[in-house]
Amino acid sequence: MEQTAAALRLRGVEVDIRLADAGDIDYTDYDLMHFFNLIRPADVIVHIQRSQLPFVLSPIYVDYSGVPEGKAFRRFLYRTAGPFGQEYVKCLARALRNGEKILSWQYLLWGQRRSMAYILARCAQLLPNSVSEYQRLKTDFPQAGSYRVVPNGIDVATFAIPPGNELPGYRKDIVLCVARFEPRKNQLALIQALNSLPFELRLIGATAPNHIAYYEQCRAIAGQRVKFYSFMSPEELATVYAQCKVHILPSWHETTGLSSLEAAAMGCNVVVTRKGDAADYFGSDAWYCEPGDVQSIRAAVLAAMEAPVNPLLAQRVRETFNWERAAQVSLEAYKNVLSS
């Protein structure tokens, strides 16, 4: 959101980023609204109704159905309520436990699925990150209308390959995973897959607040070659990417995985999940693994480690998947909506 807004401003577009719970918005200052994340429909409905402005939506429509849930209550909730009922209960829990406001009273009456359908039926244009994301959304919601793919991107100024792609410290035996620690990112299976291999595994990322136990479980099973690092800035990450041969995201679902794009731009071979939309971005230029299969993860990493680095992938990522292009396509969508 912030990167797209910055690129739009460079194109002369006036953009304000407002939090969903901001109560002092003067909607007459704006021609159009751009919402992110359909999974929080209560945050969107209130602004649709108050503003009466045309709007576009980046749905970020993730499928969590395959993610193993360790807690018995979560497993029970998913089996009994389904994915939409589960999200409704989670919204109520955030309000009760964390004091988060539920901005739309209609959401309480309608529930998760009907609220999402309400938004989609009124959306002027959808801006998914890939065709496969739109198809997944359309399967669940026939109300989903016209769309224009706005690809995720990278900061090409930060993630640029140095000459020779061999910064001090570059090693051909390092596997890297940059992701927040949570079950969906699947670091536990990755550690299990690589513990017995002669590679160093670097895991970089903050721990999700609700998944401290998962992080501790990862540390408990990690061998001596597994190194843990906390959050890093983009500039720090660029250096680490350039030191590593392979980057992997064996997630249970990814709409893309920004760290996979960043790593590819820095010359890493990338291993990505088969679950989600990564194939729309990488095609045949990546190695794919099944997140629930430790042998599949290990085999994909071994293949990527043995293969030469593909410089054409780095070039394609920098030219095709950048925030300037995301801003260009977004602006085309805005103009189309406002002229119709």
C-alpha atoms as a PDB file:
ATOM      1  CA  MET A   1       0.000   0.000   0.000  1.00  0.00           C
ATOM      2  CA  GLU A   2       2.684   2.488   1.020  1.00  0.00           C
ATOM      3  CA  GLN A   3       4.931   1.642  -1.929  1.00  0.00           C
ATOM      4  CA  THR A   4       2.074   1.977  -4.421  1.00  0.00           C
ATOM      5  CA  ALA A   5       1.035   5.302  -2.885  1.00  0.00           C
ATOM      6  CA  ALA A   6       4.592   6.632  -3.126  1.00  0.00           C
ATOM      7  CA  ALA A   7       4.829   5.644  -6.797  1.00  0.00           C
ATOM      8  CA  LEU A   8       1.420   7.222  -7.516  1.00  0.00           C
ATOM      9  CA  ARG A   9       2.542  10.504  -5.947  1.00  0.00           C
ATOM     10  CA  LEU A  10       5.514  10.548  -8.314  1.00  0.00           C
ATOM     11  CA  ARG A  11       2.937  10.430 -11.112  1.00  0.00           C
ATOM     12  CA  GLY A  12       1.199  13.519  -9.730  1.00  0.00           C
ATOM     13  CA  VAL A  13      -1.681  11.724  -7.999  1.00  0.00           C
ATOM     14  CA  GLU A  14      -2.764  13.065  -4.610  1.00  0.00           C
ATOM     15  CA  VAL A  15      -2.943  10.057  -2.274  1.00  0.00           C
ATOM     16  CA  ASP A  16      -3.766   9.843   1.425  1.00  0.00           C
ATOM     17  CA  ILE A  17      -3.444   6.624   3.413  1.00  0.00           C
ATOM     18  CA  ARG A  18      -6.040   6.386   6.170  1.00  0.00           C
ATOM     19  CA  LEU A  19      -6.594   3.669   8.730  1.00  0.00           C
ATOM     20  CA  ALA A  20      -9.975   1.971   8.682  1.00  0.00           C
ATOM     21  CA  ASP A  21     -10.916   3.280  12.136  1.00  0.00           C
ATOM     22  CA  ALA A  22     -10.159   6.926  11.274  1.00  0.00           C
ATOM     23  CA  GLY A  23     -13.314   8.823  12.183  1.00  0.00           C
ATOM     24  CA  ASP A  24     -12.464  12.262  10.795  1.00  0.00           C
ATOM     25  CA  ILE A  25     -12.330  11.616   7.049  1.00  0.00           C
ATOM     26  CA  ASP A  26     -13.758  14.373   4.857  1.00  0.00           C
ATOM     27  CA  TYR A  27     -14.844  12.277   1.899  1.00  0.00           C
ATOM     28  CA  THR A  28     -15.517  15.361  -0.230  1.00  0.00           C
ATOM     29  CA  ASP A  29     -11.733  15.709  -0.606  1.00  0.00           C
ATOM     30  CA  TYR A  30     -11.585  12.539  -2.693  1.00  0.00           C
ATOM     31  CA  ASP A  31     -12.714  11.219  -6.063  1.00  0.00           C
ATOM     32  CA  LEU A  32     -12.227   7.538  -5.338  1.00  0.00           C
ATOM     33  CA  MET A  33     -11.353   5.100  -2.560  1.00  0.00           C
ATOM     34  CA  HIS A  34      -8.959   2.151  -2.787  1.00  0.00           C
ATOM     35  CA  PHE A  35      -9.447  -0.545  -0.137  1.00  0.00           C
ATOM     36  CA  PHE A  36      -7.028  -3.335   0.736  1.00  0.00           C
ATOM     37  CA  ASN A  37      -8.018  -6.711   2.241  1.00  0.00           C
ATOM     38  CA  LEU A  38     -11.481  -8.163   1.692  1.00  0.00           C
ATOM     39  CA  ILE A  39     -11.052 -10.451   4.716  1.00  0.00           C
ATOM     40  CA  ARG A  40     -11.883  -7.504   7.021  1.00  0.00           C
ATOM     41  CA  PRO A  41     -15.250  -6.487   5.494  1.00  0.00           C
ATOM     42  CA  ALA A  42     -16.491  -4.519   8.535  1.00  0.00           C
ATOM     43  CA  ASP A  43     -13.630  -2.083   7.970  1.00  0.00           C
ATOM     44  CA  VAL A  44     -14.737  -1.504   4.375  1.00  0.00           C
ATOM     45  CA  ILE A  45     -18.535  -1.408   4.608  1.00  0.00           C
ATOM     46  CA  VAL A  46     -18.640   1.619   6.886  1.00  0.00           C
ATOM     47  CA  HIS A  47     -16.622   3.763   4.459  1.00  0.00           C
ATOM     48  CA  ILE A  48     -18.607   2.610   1.428  1.00  0.00           C
ATOM     49  CA  GLN A  49     -21.806   3.736   3.098  1.00  0.00           C
ATOM     50  CA  ARG A  50     -20.503   6.986   4.557  1.00  0.00           C
ATOM     51  CA  SER A  51     -18.669   8.199   1.480  1.00  0.00           C
ATOM     52  CA  GLN A  52     -20.902   7.070  -1.405  1.00  0.00           C
ATOM     53  CA  LEU A  53     -17.713   7.241  -3.495  1.00  0.00           C
ATOM     54  CA  PRO A  54     -16.770   4.780  -6.224  1.00  0.00           C
ATOM     55  CA  PHE A  55     -14.124   2.365  -5.011  1.00  0.00           C
ATOM     56  CA  VAL A  56     -11.667  -0.274  -6.123  1.00  0.00           C
ATOM     57  CA  LEU A  57     -10.461  -3.176  -4.027  1.00  0.00           C
ATOM     58  CA  SER A  58      -7.216  -5.124  -3.681  1.00  0.00           C
ATOM     59  CA  PRO A  59      -8.771  -8.282  -2.206  1.00  0.00           C
ATOM     60  CA  ILE A  60      -5.621 -10.093  -0.979  1.00  0.00           C
ATOM     61  CA  TYR A  61      -7.786 -13.205  -1.006  1.00  0.00           C
ATOM     62  CA  VAL A  62      -5.823 -15.899   0.809  1.00  0.00           C
ATOM     63  CA  ASP A  63      -6.968 -19.483   1.300  1.00  0.00           C
ATOM     64  CA  TYR A  64      -6.166 -20.603   4.856  1.00  0.00           C
ATOM     65  CA  SER A  65      -8.040 -23.903   4.594  1.00  0.00           C
ATOM     66  CA  GLY A  66      -4.937 -26.068   4.311  1.00  0.00           C
ATOM     67  CA  VAL A  67      -2.977 -24.518   7.163  1.00  0.00           C
ATOM     68  CA  PRO A  68      -2.505 -26.994  10.030  1.00  0.00           C
ATOM     69  CA  GLU A  69      -3.911 -25.490  13.218  1.00  0.00           C
ATOM     70  CA  GLY A  70      -2.208 -26.741  16.340  1.00  0.00           C
ATOM     71  CA  LYS A  71      -4.864 -25.708  18.854  1.00  0.00           C
ATOM     72  CA  ALA A  72      -7.825 -28.034  19.279  1.00  0.00           C
ATOM     73  CA  PHE A  73     -10.299 -25.157  19.517  1.00  0.00           C
ATOM     74  CA  ARG A  74      -9.197 -23.736  16.159  1.00  0.00           C
ATOM     75  CA  ARG A  75      -9.539 -27.119  14.507  1.00  0.00           C
ATOM     76  CA  PHE A  76     -13.005 -27.534  15.995  1.00  0.00           C
ATOM     77  CA  LEU A  77     -14.008 -24.005  14.940  1.00  0.00           C
ATOM     78  CA  TYR A  78     -12.935 -24.550  11.348  1.00  0.00           C
ATOM     79  CA  ARG A  79     -14.722 -27.900  11.080  1.00  0.00           C
ATOM     80  CA  THR A  80     -17.968 -26.568  12.541  1.00  0.00           C
ATOM     81  CA  ALA A  81     -18.099 -22.987  11.233  1.00  0.00           C
ATOM     82  CA  GLY A  82     -16.129 -23.221   8.000  1.00  0.00           C
ATOM     83  CA  PRO A  83     -13.709 -20.557   6.758  1.00  0.00           C
ATOM     84  CA  PHE A  84     -16.213 -17.692   6.757  1.00  0.00           C
ATOM     85  CA  GLY A  85     -17.670 -18.526  10.141  1.00  0.00           C
ATOM     86  CA  GLN A  86     -14.165 -18.820  11.518  1.00  0.00           C
ATOM     87  CA  GLU A  87     -13.290 -15.304  10.322  1.00  0.00           C
ATOM     88  CA  TYR A  88     -16.502 -13.976  11.905  1.00  0.00           C
ATOM     89  CA  VAL A  89     -15.610 -15.527  15.261  1.00  0.00           C
ATOM     90  CA  LYS A  90     -12.060 -14.160  14.991  1.00  0.00           C
ATOM     91  CA  CYS A  91     -13.453 -10.671  14.417  1.00  0.00           C
ATOM     92  CA  LEU A  92     -15.614 -10.956  17.536  1.00  0.00           C
ATOM     93  CA  ALA A  93     -12.636 -12.287  19.508  1.00  0.00           C
ATOM     94  CA  ARG A  94     -10.441  -9.359  18.454  1.00  0.00           C
ATOM     95  CA  ALA A  95     -13.139  -6.985  19.650  1.00  0.00           C
ATOM     96  CA  LEU A  96     -13.537  -8.702  23.017  1.00  0.00           C
ATOM     97  CA  ARG A  97      -9.891  -9.499  23.743  1.00  0.00           C
ATOM     98  CA  ASN A  98      -8.025  -6.648  22.043  1.00  0.00           C
ATOM     99  CA  GLY A  99     -10.630  -3.903  22.087  1.00  0.00           C
ATOM    100  CA  GLU A 100     -10.726  -3.595  18.279  1.00  0.00           C
ATOM    101  CA  LYS A 101     -13.794  -1.730  17.093  1.00  0.00           C
ATOM    102  CA  ILE A 102     -16.270  -3.448  14.796  1.00  0.00           C
ATOM    103  CA  LEU A 103     -17.021  -0.457  12.604  1.00  0.00           C
ATOM    104  CA  SER A 104     -20.143  -1.762  10.843  1.00  0.00           C
ATOM    105  CA  TRP A 105     -23.216  -2.932  12.735  1.00  0.00           C
ATOM    106  CA  GLN A 106     -24.455  -4.544   9.516  1.00  0.00           C
ATOM    107  CA  TYR A 107     -21.475  -6.873   9.668  1.00  0.00           C
ATOM    108  CA  LEU A 108     -22.707  -8.238  12.989  1.00  0.00           C
ATOM    109  CA  LEU A 109     -26.085  -9.030  11.407  1.00  0.00           C
ATOM    110  CA  TRP A 110     -24.871 -10.269   8.038  1.00  0.00           C
ATOM    111  CA  GLY A 111     -21.797 -12.275   9.025  1.00  0.00           C
ATOM    112  CA  GLN A 112     -18.570 -12.704   7.072  1.00  0.00           C
ATOM    113  CA  ARG A 113     -19.697 -14.165   3.749  1.00  0.00           C
ATOM    114  CA  ARG A 114     -22.694 -11.894   3.169  1.00  0.00           C
ATOM    115  CA  SER A 115     -20.634  -8.834   4.093  1.00  0.00           C
ATOM    116  CA  MET A 116     -17.922  -9.789   1.601  1.00  0.00           C
ATOM    117  CA  ALA A 117     -20.548 -10.357  -1.095  1.00  0.00           C
ATOM    118  CA  TYR A 118     -22.036  -6.917  -0.355  1.00  0.00           C
ATOM    119  CA  ILE A 119     -18.666  -5.271  -1.005  1.00  0.00           C
ATOM    120  CA  LEU A 120     -17.956  -7.235  -4.174  1.00  0.00           C
ATOM    121  CA  ALA A 121     -21.367  -6.428  -5.652  1.00  0.00           C
ATOM    122  CA  ARG A 122     -20.610  -2.695  -5.331  1.00  0.00           C
ATOM    123  CA  CYS A 123     -16.928  -2.647  -6.223  1.00  0.00           C
ATOM    124  CA  ALA A 124     -16.202  -0.688  -9.408  1.00  0.00           C
ATOM    125  CA  GLN A 125     -13.119  -2.756 -10.188  1.00  0.00           C
ATOM    126  CA  LEU A 126     -11.119  -5.469  -8.461  1.00  0.00           C
ATOM    127  CA  LEU A 127      -7.322  -5.254  -8.387  1.00  0.00           C
ATOM    128  CA  PRO A 128      -6.049  -8.760  -7.528  1.00  0.00           C
ATOM    129  CA  ASN A 129      -2.326  -9.521  -7.534  1.00  0.00           C
ATOM    130  CA  SER A 130      -2.760 -12.309 -10.106  1.00  0.00           C
ATOM    131  CA  VAL A 131      -5.256 -13.997 -12.390  1.00  0.00           C
ATOM    132  CA  SER A 132      -5.331 -17.064 -10.155  1.00  0.00           C
ATOM    133  CA  GLU A 133      -6.272 -14.922  -7.138  1.00  0.00           C
ATOM    134  CA  TYR A 134      -9.224 -13.527  -9.075  1.00  0.00           C
ATOM    135  CA  GLN A 135     -10.295 -17.000 -10.185  1.00  0.00           C
ATOM    136  CA  ARG A 136     -10.239 -18.200  -6.574  1.00  0.00           C
ATOM    137  CA  LEU A 137     -12.352 -15.223  -5.533  1.00  0.00           C
ATOM    138  CA  LYS A 138     -14.794 -15.678  -8.442  1.00  0.00           C
ATOM    139  CA  THR A 139     -15.272 -19.341  -7.536  1.00  0.00           C
ATOM    140  CA  ASP A 140     -16.359 -18.403  -4.010  1.00  0.00           C
ATOM    141  CA  PHE A 141     -18.218 -15.225  -4.952  1.00  0.00           C
ATOM    142  CA  PRO A 142     -20.038 -15.018  -8.297  1.00  0.00           C
ATOM    143  CA  GLN A 143     -20.611 -11.313  -7.451  1.00  0.00           C
ATOM    144  CA  ALA A 144     -16.960 -10.591  -8.233  1.00  0.00           C
ATOM    145  CA  GLY A 145     -16.991  -8.308 -11.259  1.00  0.00           C
ATOM    146  CA  SER A 146     -14.405  -6.843 -13.606  1.00  0.00           C
ATOM    147  CA  TYR A 147     -10.773  -6.918 -12.617  1.00  0.00           C
ATOM    148  CA  ARG A 148      -7.331  -5.717 -13.567  1.00  0.00           C
ATOM    149  CA  VAL A 149      -4.237  -7.490 -12.270  1.00  0.00           C
ATOM    150  CA  VAL A 150      -1.942  -5.221 -10.251  1.00  0.00           C
ATOM    151  CA  PRO A 151       1.199  -7.274  -9.604  1.00  0.00           C
ATOM    152  CA  ASN A 152       3.130  -7.127  -6.390  1.00  0.00           C
ATOM    153  CA  GLY A 153       6.510  -5.488  -6.716  1.00  0.00           C
ATOM    154  CA  ILE A 154       9.901  -4.743  -5.264  1.00  0.00           C
ATOM    155  CA  ASP A 155      11.921  -1.603  -4.656  1.00  0.00           C
ATOM    156  CA  VAL A 156      14.326  -1.844  -7.586  1.00  0.00           C
ATOM    157  CA  ALA A 157      16.656   0.762  -6.060  1.00  0.00           C
ATOM    158  CA  THR A 158      17.166  -1.368  -2.947  1.00  0.00           C
ATOM    159  CA  PHE A 159      17.135  -4.849  -4.462  1.00  0.00           C
ATOM    160  CA  ALA A 160      19.651  -4.501  -7.277  1.00  0.00           C
ATOM    161  CA  ILE A 161      22.235  -7.165  -8.054  1.00  0.00           C
ATOM    162  CA  PRO A 162      25.839  -6.025  -7.427  1.00  0.00           C
ATOM    163  CA  PRO A 163      28.460  -6.742 -10.121  1.00  0.00           C
ATOM    164  CA  GLY A 164      29.124 -10.478 -10.184  1.00  0.00           C
ATOM    165  CA  ASN A 165      26.485 -11.014  -7.496  1.00  0.00           C
ATOM    166  CA  GLU A 166      29.211 -11.886  -5.019  1.00  0.00           C
ATOM    167  CA  LEU A 167      29.247  -9.507  -2.090  1.00  0.00           C
ATOM    168  CA  PRO A 168      31.672 -10.252   0.722  1.00  0.00           C
ATOM    169  CA  GLY A 169      30.344 -13.296   2.527  1.00  0.00           C
ATOM    170  CA  TYR A 170      28.650 -14.882  -0.524  1.00  0.00           C
ATOM    171  CA  ARG A 171      28.401 -18.645  -0.085  1.00  0.00           C
ATOM    172  CA  LYS A 172      26.881 -21.352  -2.224  1.00  0.00           C
ATOM    173  CA  ASP A 173      25.769 -23.417   0.769  1.00  0.00           C
ATOM    174  CA  ILE A 174      23.247 -21.020   2.359  1.00  0.00           C
ATOM    175  CA  VAL A 175      19.486 -21.484   2.141  1.00  0.00           C
ATOM    176  CA  LEU A 176      17.444 -18.469   3.213  1.00  0.00           C
ATOM    177  CA  CYS A 177      13.826 -18.034   4.274  1.00  0.00           C
ATOM    178  CA  VAL A 178      12.500 -14.529   4.984  1.00  0.00           C
ATOM    179  CA  ALA A 179       9.032 -14.701   6.523  1.00  0.00           C
ATOM    180  CA  ARG A 180       7.157 -13.991   9.713  1.00  0.00           C
ATOM    181  CA  PHE A 181       7.072 -16.994  12.039  1.00  0.00           C
ATOM    182  CA  GLU A 182       3.599 -18.501  11.874  1.00  0.00           C
ATOM    183  CA  PRO A 183       2.141 -21.874  10.797  1.00  0.00           C
ATOM    184  CA  ARG A 184       1.115 -20.596   7.342  1.00  0.00           C
ATOM    185  CA  LYS A 185       4.750 -19.858   6.486  1.00  0.00           C
ATOM    186  CA  ASN A 186       5.676 -23.457   7.362  1.00  0.00           C
ATOM    187  CA  GLN A 187       9.159 -22.919   8.831  1.00  0.00           C
ATOM    188  CA  LEU A 188       8.716 -26.035  10.977  1.00  0.00           C
ATOM    189  CA  ALA A 189       8.527 -28.354   7.960  1.00  0.00           C
ATOM    190  CA  LEU A 190      11.415 -26.481   6.327  1.00  0.00           C
ATOM    191  CA  ILE A 191      13.639 -27.121   9.347  1.00  0.00           C
ATOM    192  CA  GLN A 192      12.646 -30.782   9.361  1.00  0.00           C
ATOM    193  CA  ALA A 193      13.475 -31.031   5.655  1.00  0.00           C
ATOM    194  CA  LEU A 194      16.934 -29.437   5.881  1.00  0.00           C
ATOM    195  CA  ASN A 195      18.198 -30.491   9.314  1.00  0.00           C
ATOM    196  CA  SER A 196      20.106 -33.432   7.849  1.00  0.00           C
ATOM    197  CA  LEU A 197      21.538 -31.589   4.824  1.00  0.00           C
ATOM    198  CA  PRO A 198      24.996 -29.956   4.704  1.00  0.00           C
ATOM    199  CA  PHE A 199      23.599 -26.442   4.225  1.00  0.00           C
ATOM    200  CA  GLU A 200      23.207 -23.493   6.530  1.00  0.00           C
ATOM    201  CA  LEU A 201      19.557 -22.460   6.876  1.00  0.00           C
ATOM    202  CA  ARG A 202      18.938 -18.838   7.786  1.00  0.00           C
ATOM    203  CA  LEU A 203      15.468 -17.937   9.053  1.00  0.00           C
ATOM    204  CA  ILE A 204      14.761 -14.207   9.178  1.00  0.00           C
ATOM    205  CA  GLY A 205      11.544 -12.724  10.474  1.00  0.00           C
ATOM    206  CA  ALA A 206       9.553 -11.415  13.396  1.00  0.00           C
ATOM    207  CA  THR A 207       7.322 -13.727  15.405  1.00  0.00           C
ATOM    208  CA  ALA A 208       3.573 -13.310  14.952  1.00  0.00           C
ATOM    209  CA  PRO A 209       2.104 -12.307  18.346  1.00  0.00           C
ATOM    210  CA  ASN A 210      -0.329 -15.233  18.405  1.00  0.00           C
ATOM    211  CA  HIS A 211       2.295 -17.786  17.394  1.00  0.00           C
ATOM    212  CA  ILE A 212       5.056 -17.559  20.000  1.00  0.00           C
ATOM    213  CA  ALA A 213       4.624 -21.272  20.721  1.00  0.00           C
ATOM    214  CA  TYR A 214       5.157 -22.071  17.042  1.00  0.00           C
ATOM    215  CA  TYR A 215       8.407 -20.084  17.027  1.00  0.00           C
ATOM    216  CA  GLU A 216       9.607 -21.901  20.137  1.00  0.00           C
ATOM    217  CA  GLN A 217       8.750 -25.223  18.493  1.00  0.00           C
ATOM    218  CA  CYS A 218      10.872 -24.261  15.486  1.00  0.00           C
ATOM    219  CA  ARG A 219      13.818 -23.426  17.720  1.00  0.00           C
ATOM    220  CA  ALA A 220      13.407 -26.628  19.686  1.00  0.00           C
ATOM    221  CA  ILE A 221      13.835 -28.920  16.665  1.00  0.00           C
ATOM    222  CA  ALA A 222      16.487 -26.845  14.838  1.00  0.00           C
ATOM    223  CA  GLY A 223      19.918 -28.356  14.322  1.00  0.00           C
ATOM    224  CA  GLN A 224      23.219 -26.519  14.626  1.00  0.00           C
ATOM    225  CA  ARG A 225      23.170 -25.331  11.018  1.00  0.00           C
ATOM    226  CA  VAL A 226      19.858 -23.478  11.493  1.00  0.00           C
ATOM    227  CA  LYS A 227      20.319 -19.782  12.338  1.00  0.00           C
ATOM    228  CA  PHE A 228      17.526 -17.494  13.576  1.00  0.00           C
ATOM    229  CA  TYR A 229      17.448 -13.734  12.955  1.00  0.00           C
ATOM    230  CA  SER A 230      14.854 -11.139  13.885  1.00  0.00           C
ATOM    231  CA  PHE A 231      13.325  -8.482  11.622  1.00  0.00           C
ATOM    232  CA  MET A 232      15.737  -6.760   9.213  1.00  0.00           C
ATOM    233  CA  SER A 233      15.424  -3.573   7.195  1.00  0.00           C
ATOM    234  CA  PRO A 234      15.165  -3.833   3.396  1.00  0.00           C
ATOM    235  CA  GLU A 235      18.753  -2.606   3.059  1.00  0.00           C
ATOM    236  CA  GLU A 236      19.985  -5.308   5.432  1.00  0.00           C
ATOM    237  CA  LEU A 237      17.948  -7.932   3.623  1.00  0.00           C
ATOM    238  CA  ALA A 238      19.418  -6.940   0.260  1.00  0.00           C
ATOM    239  CA  THR A 239      22.876  -7.793   1.554  1.00  0.00           C
ATOM    240  CA  VAL A 240      21.739 -11.123   2.980  1.00  0.00           C
ATOM    241  CA  TYR A 241      19.950 -12.099  -0.256  1.00  0.00           C
ATOM    242  CA  ALA A 242      23.143 -11.442  -2.197  1.00  0.00           C
ATOM    243  CA  GLN A 243      25.072 -13.765   0.112  1.00  0.00           C
ATOM    244  CA  CYS A 244      22.762 -16.766  -0.390  1.00  0.00           C
ATOM    245  CA  LYS A 245      22.297 -19.289  -3.185  1.00  0.00           C
ATOM    246  CA  VAL A 246      18.651 -20.245  -2.555  1.00  0.00           C
ATOM    247  CA  HIS A 247      15.599 -18.590  -1.027  1.00  0.00           C
ATOM    248  CA  ILE A 248      12.556 -20.669  -0.099  1.00  0.00           C
ATOM    249  CA  LEU A 249       8.968 -19.957   0.949  1.00  0.00           C
ATOM    250  CA  PRO A 250       7.317 -23.360   1.533  1.00  0.00           C
ATOM    251  CA  SER A 251       4.090 -21.709   2.699  1.00  0.00           C
ATOM    252  CA  TRP A 252       0.657 -23.257   2.885  1.00  0.00           C
ATOM    253  CA  HIS A 253      -0.541 -20.326   0.784  1.00  0.00           C
ATOM    254  CA  GLU A 254       1.054 -17.277  -0.856  1.00  0.00           C
ATOM    255  CA  THR A 255      -0.558 -14.671  -3.061  1.00  0.00           C
ATOM    256  CA  THR A 256       3.041 -14.188  -4.170  1.00  0.00           C
ATOM    257  CA  GLY A 257       5.547 -13.777  -1.378  1.00  0.00           C
ATOM    258  CA  LEU A 258       7.353 -10.452  -1.582  1.00  0.00           C
ATOM    259  CA  SER A 259      10.536 -11.954  -0.181  1.00  0.00           C
ATOM    260  CA  SER A 260      10.607 -14.444  -3.073  1.00  0.00           C
ATOM    261  CA  LEU A 261      10.532 -11.543  -5.541  1.00  0.00           C
ATOM    262  CA  GLU A 262      13.216  -9.655  -3.640  1.00  0.00           C
ATOM    263  CA  ALA A 263      15.449 -12.733  -3.478  1.00  0.00           C
ATOM    264  CA  ALA A 264      15.002 -13.438  -7.181  1.00  0.00           C
ATOM    265  CA  ALA A 265      15.923  -9.843  -8.004  1.00  0.00           C
ATOM    266  CA  MET A 266      19.108 -10.291  -5.979  1.00  0.00           C
ATOM    267  CA  GLY A 267      20.132 -13.380  -7.926  1.00  0.00           C
ATOM    268  CA  CYS A 268      18.894 -16.202  -5.710  1.00  0.00           C
ATOM    269  CA  ASN A 269      17.375 -19.366  -7.050  1.00  0.00           C
ATOM    270  CA  VAL A 270      13.887 -19.482  -5.553  1.00  0.00           C
ATOM    271  CA  VAL A 271      11.832 -22.363  -4.206  1.00  0.00           C
ATOM    272  CA  VAL A 272       8.163 -21.546  -3.765  1.00  0.00           C
ATOM    273  CA  THR A 273       4.958 -23.209  -2.682  1.00  0.00           C
ATOM    274  CA  ARG A 274       2.517 -24.817  -5.068  1.00  0.00           C
ATOM    275  CA  LYS A 275      -0.333 -23.431  -2.932  1.00  0.00           C
ATOM    276  CA  GLY A 276      -1.534 -20.032  -4.115  1.00  0.00           C
ATOM    277  CA  ASP A 277      -0.387 -17.731  -6.865  1.00  0.00           C
ATOM    278  CA  ALA A 278       3.421 -17.893  -7.023  1.00  0.00           C
ATOM    279  CA  ALA A 279       3.330 -19.756 -10.342  1.00  0.00           C
ATOM    280  CA  ASP A 280       1.700 -16.702 -11.957  1.00  0.00           C
ATOM    281  CA  TYR A 281       4.882 -14.792 -11.192  1.00  0.00           C
ATOM    282  CA  PHE A 282       7.700 -17.316 -11.551  1.00  0.00           C
ATOM    283  CA  GLY A 283       6.415 -19.792 -14.121  1.00  0.00           C
ATOM    284  CA  SER A 284       9.168 -22.266 -15.002  1.00  0.00           C
ATOM    285  CA  ASP A 285      11.893 -20.101 -13.422  1.00  0.00           C
ATOM    286  CA  ALA A 286      11.351 -21.468  -9.891  1.00  0.00           C
ATOM    287  CA  TRP A 287      11.397 -24.801  -8.093  1.00  0.00           C
ATOM    288  CA  TYR A 288       8.106 -25.844  -6.517  1.00  0.00           C
ATOM    289  CA  CYS A 289       7.406 -27.796  -3.348  1.00  0.00           C
ATOM    290  CA  GLU A 290       4.391 -29.250  -1.572  1.00  0.00           C
ATOM    291  CA  PRO A 291       4.200 -27.636   1.889  1.00  0.00           C
ATOM    292  CA  GLY A 292       2.861 -30.765   3.565  1.00  0.00           C
ATOM    293  CA  ASP A 293       5.597 -33.027   2.173  1.00  0.00           C
ATOM    294  CA  VAL A 294       9.035 -32.793   3.824  1.00  0.00           C
ATOM    295  CA  GLN A 295      10.581 -34.894   1.043  1.00  0.00           C
ATOM    296  CA  SER A 296       9.188 -32.503  -1.585  1.00  0.00           C
ATOM    297  CA  ILE A 297      10.693 -29.509   0.227  1.00  0.00           C
ATOM    298  CA  ARG A 298      14.071 -31.226   0.523  1.00  0.00           C
ATOM    299  CA  ALA A 299      14.107 -32.305  -3.135  1.00  0.00           C
ATOM    300  CA  ALA A 300      13.221 -28.813  -4.383  1.00  0.00           C
ATOM    301  CA  VAL A 301      15.970 -27.208  -2.307  1.00  0.00           C
ATOM    302  CA  LEU A 302      18.554 -29.742  -3.488  1.00  0.00           C
ATOM    303  CA  ALA A 303      17.614 -29.124  -7.119  1.00  0.00           C
ATOM    304  CA  ALA A 304      17.818 -25.350  -6.673  1.00  0.00           C
ATOM    305  CA  MET A 305      21.180 -25.605  -4.905  1.00  0.00           C
ATOM    306  CA  GLU A 306      22.646 -27.727  -7.708  1.00  0.00           C
ATOM    307  CA  ALA A 307      21.373 -25.505 -10.540  1.00  0.00           C
ATOM    308  CA  PRO A 308      23.188 -22.401 -11.805  1.00  0.00           C
ATOM    309  CA  VAL A 309      21.680 -19.022 -10.988  1.00  0.00           C
ATOM    310  CA  ASN A 310      19.421 -17.689 -13.740  1.00  0.00           C
ATOM    311  CA  PRO A 311      20.274 -14.001 -14.369  1.00  0.00           C
ATOM    312  CA  LEU A 312      17.289 -13.635 -16.708  1.00  0.00           C
ATOM    313  CA  LEU A 313      14.927 -14.197 -13.781  1.00  0.00           C
ATOM    314  CA  ALA A 314      16.486 -11.343 -11.829  1.00  0.00           C
ATOM    315  CA  GLN A 315      16.137  -9.088 -14.858  1.00  0.00           C
ATOM    316  CA  ARG A 316      12.529 -10.116 -15.466  1.00  0.00           C
ATOM    317  CA  VAL A 317      11.543  -9.505 -11.851  1.00  0.00           C
ATOM    318  CA  ARG A 318      13.098  -6.035 -11.775  1.00  0.00           C
ATOM    319  CA  GLU A 319      11.496  -5.036 -15.071  1.00  0.00           C
ATOM    320  CA  THR A 320       8.055  -6.581 -14.552  1.00  0.00           C
ATOM    321  CA  PHE A 321       7.360  -6.667 -10.817  1.00  0.00           C
ATOM    322  CA  ASN A 322       8.105  -3.225  -9.441  1.00  0.00           C
ATOM    323  CA  TRP A 323       6.079  -0.538  -7.695  1.00  0.00           C
ATOM    324  CA  GLU A 324       6.241   1.789 -10.675  1.00  0.00           C
ATOM    325  CA  ARG A 325       4.331  -0.759 -12.738  1.00  0.00           C
ATOM    326  CA  ALA A 326       1.901  -1.384  -9.875  1.00  0.00           C
ATOM    327  CA  ALA A 327       1.204   2.355  -9.724  1.00  0.00           C
ATOM    328  CA  GLN A 328       0.769   2.563 -13.502  1.00  0.00           C
ATOM    329  CA  VAL A 329      -1.815  -0.222 -13.609  1.00  0.00           C
ATOM    330  CA  SER A 330      -3.581   1.134 -10.518  1.00  0.00           C
ATOM    331  CA  LEU A 331      -3.844   4.586 -12.074  1.00  0.00           C
ATOM    332  CA  GLU A 332      -5.253   3.099 -15.274  1.00  0.00           C
ATOM    333  CA  ALA A 333      -7.910   1.385 -13.168  1.00  0.00           C
ATOM    334  CA  TYR A 334      -8.722   4.624 -11.319  1.00  0.00           C
ATOM    335  CA  LYS A 335      -9.152   6.542 -14.577  1.00  0.00           C
ATOM    336  CA  ASN A 336     -11.324   3.801 -16.027  1.00  0.00           C
ATOM    337  CA  VAL A 337     -13.621   3.866 -12.990  1.00  0.00           C
ATOM    338  CA  LEU A 338     -13.882   7.662 -12.891  1.00  0.00           C
ATOM    339  CA  SER A 339     -14.594   7.957 -16.607  1.00  0.00           C
ATOM    340  CA  SER A 340     -17.363   5.343 -16.667  1.00  0.00           C
END
